[in-house]
Amino acid sequence: MEIEFNPNVTSGLSAVPPGGAAGQSGAAAPGQDTASLSNSDALKSAINTISPVRPEKVQSAQAAVSDAKYPPDDLLSAVANLMGEKIQPD
């Protein structure tokens, strides 16, 4: 016997009794399917006040770039080895 399931077809039988399941709480009552967006303006304002630049990161990057030993030789060697392993000849 083969059973086919099609969620688009209802058989008239319901697993949930009319009025909701017994002991079910938190279910939205009819007509209460709205969302409150009253804080959206405050959220937009907070996002707009965030600086896209983090001064501590800029300072750290400037210090690294001004260092003659950046990037370290071992890091360059590791990247070169990885590239050599991954590059496929044509």
C-alpha atoms as a PDB file:
ATOM      1  CA  MET A   1       0.000   0.000   0.000  1.00  0.00           C
ATOM      2  CA  GLU A   2       1.396   3.383  -0.994  1.00  0.00           C
ATOM      3  CA  ILE A   3       0.361   6.586   0.732  1.00  0.00           C
ATOM      4  CA  GLU A   4       0.786   9.904  -1.021  1.00  0.00           C
ATOM      5  CA  PHE A   5       0.843  13.139   0.911  1.00  0.00           C
ATOM      6  CA  ASN A   6      -0.339  16.345  -0.710  1.00  0.00           C
ATOM      7  CA  PRO A   7      -0.497  19.342   1.633  1.00  0.00           C
ATOM      8  CA  ASN A   8      -2.733  21.189  -0.837  1.00  0.00           C
ATOM      9  CA  VAL A   9      -5.579  18.724  -0.478  1.00  0.00           C
ATOM     10  CA  THR A  10      -7.696  18.579   2.657  1.00  0.00           C
ATOM     11  CA  SER A  11      -9.624  15.456   3.453  1.00  0.00           C
ATOM     12  CA  GLY A  12     -12.139  17.084   5.740  1.00  0.00           C
ATOM     13  CA  LEU A  13     -10.464  15.538   8.770  1.00  0.00           C
ATOM     14  CA  SER A  14      -8.588  17.853  11.036  1.00  0.00           C
ATOM     15  CA  ALA A  15      -5.848  16.910  13.482  1.00  0.00           C
ATOM     16  CA  VAL A  16      -6.603  20.049  15.462  1.00  0.00           C
ATOM     17  CA  PRO A  17     -10.120  20.298  16.867  1.00  0.00           C
ATOM     18  CA  PRO A  18     -12.106  23.422  16.021  1.00  0.00           C
ATOM     19  CA  GLY A  19     -11.111  26.285  18.293  1.00  0.00           C
ATOM     20  CA  GLY A  20      -7.491  25.117  18.625  1.00  0.00           C
ATOM     21  CA  ALA A  21      -5.682  22.346  20.437  1.00  0.00           C
ATOM     22  CA  ALA A  22      -6.428  21.698  24.057  1.00  0.00           C
ATOM     23  CA  GLY A  23      -3.918  23.425  26.322  1.00  0.00           C
ATOM     24  CA  GLN A  24      -2.489  25.465  23.471  1.00  0.00           C
ATOM     25  CA  SER A  25      -1.431  28.891  24.641  1.00  0.00           C
ATOM     26  CA  GLY A  26       0.026  31.862  22.847  1.00  0.00           C
ATOM     27  CA  ALA A  27      -1.955  31.288  19.674  1.00  0.00           C
ATOM     28  CA  ALA A  28      -3.004  34.489  17.978  1.00  0.00           C
ATOM     29  CA  ALA A  29      -6.692  35.188  18.106  1.00  0.00           C
ATOM     30  CA  PRO A  30      -8.438  36.115  14.858  1.00  0.00           C
ATOM     31  CA  GLY A  31      -7.786  39.741  13.940  1.00  0.00           C
ATOM     32  CA  GLN A  32      -4.581  39.984  16.011  1.00  0.00           C
ATOM     33  CA  ASP A  33      -2.067  39.290  13.269  1.00  0.00           C
ATOM     34  CA  THR A  34      -0.507  42.745  13.228  1.00  0.00           C
ATOM     35  CA  ALA A  35       3.024  43.860  14.060  1.00  0.00           C
ATOM     36  CA  SER A  36       4.061  46.992  15.856  1.00  0.00           C
ATOM     37  CA  LEU A  37       6.752  48.983  14.073  1.00  0.00           C
ATOM     38  CA  SER A  38       6.714  51.931  16.430  1.00  0.00           C
ATOM     39  CA  ASN A  39      10.422  51.562  17.244  1.00  0.00           C
ATOM     40  CA  SER A  40      11.582  51.557  13.615  1.00  0.00           C
ATOM     41  CA  ASP A  41      12.322  55.304  13.599  1.00  0.00           C
ATOM     42  CA  ALA A  42      14.436  54.969  16.747  1.00  0.00           C
ATOM     43  CA  LEU A  43      16.306  52.038  15.181  1.00  0.00           C
ATOM     44  CA  LYS A  44      16.970  53.983  11.976  1.00  0.00           C
ATOM     45  CA  SER A  45      18.241  56.919  14.027  1.00  0.00           C
ATOM     46  CA  ALA A  46      20.563  54.672  16.040  1.00  0.00           C
ATOM     47  CA  ILE A  47      21.952  53.086  12.872  1.00  0.00           C
ATOM     48  CA  ASN A  48      22.588  56.488  11.327  1.00  0.00           C
ATOM     49  CA  THR A  49      24.626  57.606  14.357  1.00  0.00           C
ATOM     50  CA  ILE A  50      27.057  54.677  14.077  1.00  0.00           C
ATOM     51  CA  SER A  51      30.339  55.716  12.511  1.00  0.00           C
ATOM     52  CA  PRO A  52      31.379  53.571   9.535  1.00  0.00           C
ATOM     53  CA  VAL A  53      35.029  54.160  10.509  1.00  0.00           C
ATOM     54  CA  ARG A  54      36.595  52.645  13.615  1.00  0.00           C
ATOM     55  CA  PRO A  55      39.527  54.889  14.557  1.00  0.00           C
ATOM     56  CA  GLU A  56      41.307  52.181  16.566  1.00  0.00           C
ATOM     57  CA  LYS A  57      41.344  49.879  13.517  1.00  0.00           C
ATOM     58  CA  VAL A  58      42.609  52.661  11.258  1.00  0.00           C
ATOM     59  CA  GLN A  59      45.406  53.411  13.703  1.00  0.00           C
ATOM     60  CA  SER A  60      46.322  49.718  13.934  1.00  0.00           C
ATOM     61  CA  ALA A  61      46.409  49.370  10.128  1.00  0.00           C
ATOM     62  CA  GLN A  62      48.525  52.502   9.743  1.00  0.00           C
ATOM     63  CA  ALA A  63      51.012  51.177  12.286  1.00  0.00           C
ATOM     64  CA  ALA A  64      51.222  47.813  10.494  1.00  0.00           C
ATOM     65  CA  VAL A  65      51.730  49.399   7.061  1.00  0.00           C
ATOM     66  CA  SER A  66      54.430  51.751   8.318  1.00  0.00           C
ATOM     67  CA  ASP A  67      56.363  48.780   9.767  1.00  0.00           C
ATOM     68  CA  ALA A  68      59.091  47.654   7.328  1.00  0.00           C
ATOM     69  CA  LYS A  69      58.681  44.055   8.497  1.00  0.00           C
ATOM     70  CA  TYR A  70      54.977  43.883   7.620  1.00  0.00           C
ATOM     71  CA  PRO A  71      53.836  41.417   6.478  1.00  0.00           C
ATOM     72  CA  PRO A  72      56.247  39.005   8.139  1.00  0.00           C
ATOM     73  CA  ASP A  73      58.365  36.806   5.887  1.00  0.00           C
ATOM     74  CA  ASP A  74      56.900  33.587   7.300  1.00  0.00           C
ATOM     75  CA  LEU A  75      53.389  34.762   6.390  1.00  0.00           C
ATOM     76  CA  LEU A  76      54.478  35.637   2.839  1.00  0.00           C
ATOM     77  CA  SER A  77      56.180  32.253   2.527  1.00  0.00           C
ATOM     78  CA  ALA A  78      53.061  30.433   3.739  1.00  0.00           C
ATOM     79  CA  VAL A  79      50.853  32.318   1.267  1.00  0.00           C
ATOM     80  CA  ALA A  80      53.295  31.631  -1.584  1.00  0.00           C
ATOM     81  CA  ASN A  81      53.358  27.912  -0.734  1.00  0.00           C
ATOM     82  CA  LEU A  82      49.581  27.747  -0.574  1.00  0.00           C
ATOM     83  CA  MET A  83      49.248  29.509  -3.913  1.00  0.00           C
ATOM     84  CA  GLY A  84      51.795  27.125  -5.430  1.00  0.00           C
ATOM     85  CA  GLU A  85      49.782  24.147  -4.247  1.00  0.00           C
ATOM     86  CA  LYS A  86      46.447  25.488  -5.480  1.00  0.00           C
ATOM     87  CA  ILE A  87      47.379  26.962  -8.854  1.00  0.00           C
ATOM     88  CA  GLN A  88      46.529  24.567 -11.675  1.00  0.00           C
ATOM     89  CA  PRO A  89      48.669  24.754 -14.820  1.00  0.00           C
ATOM     90  CA  ASP A  90      46.696  25.433 -17.994  1.00  0.00           C
END
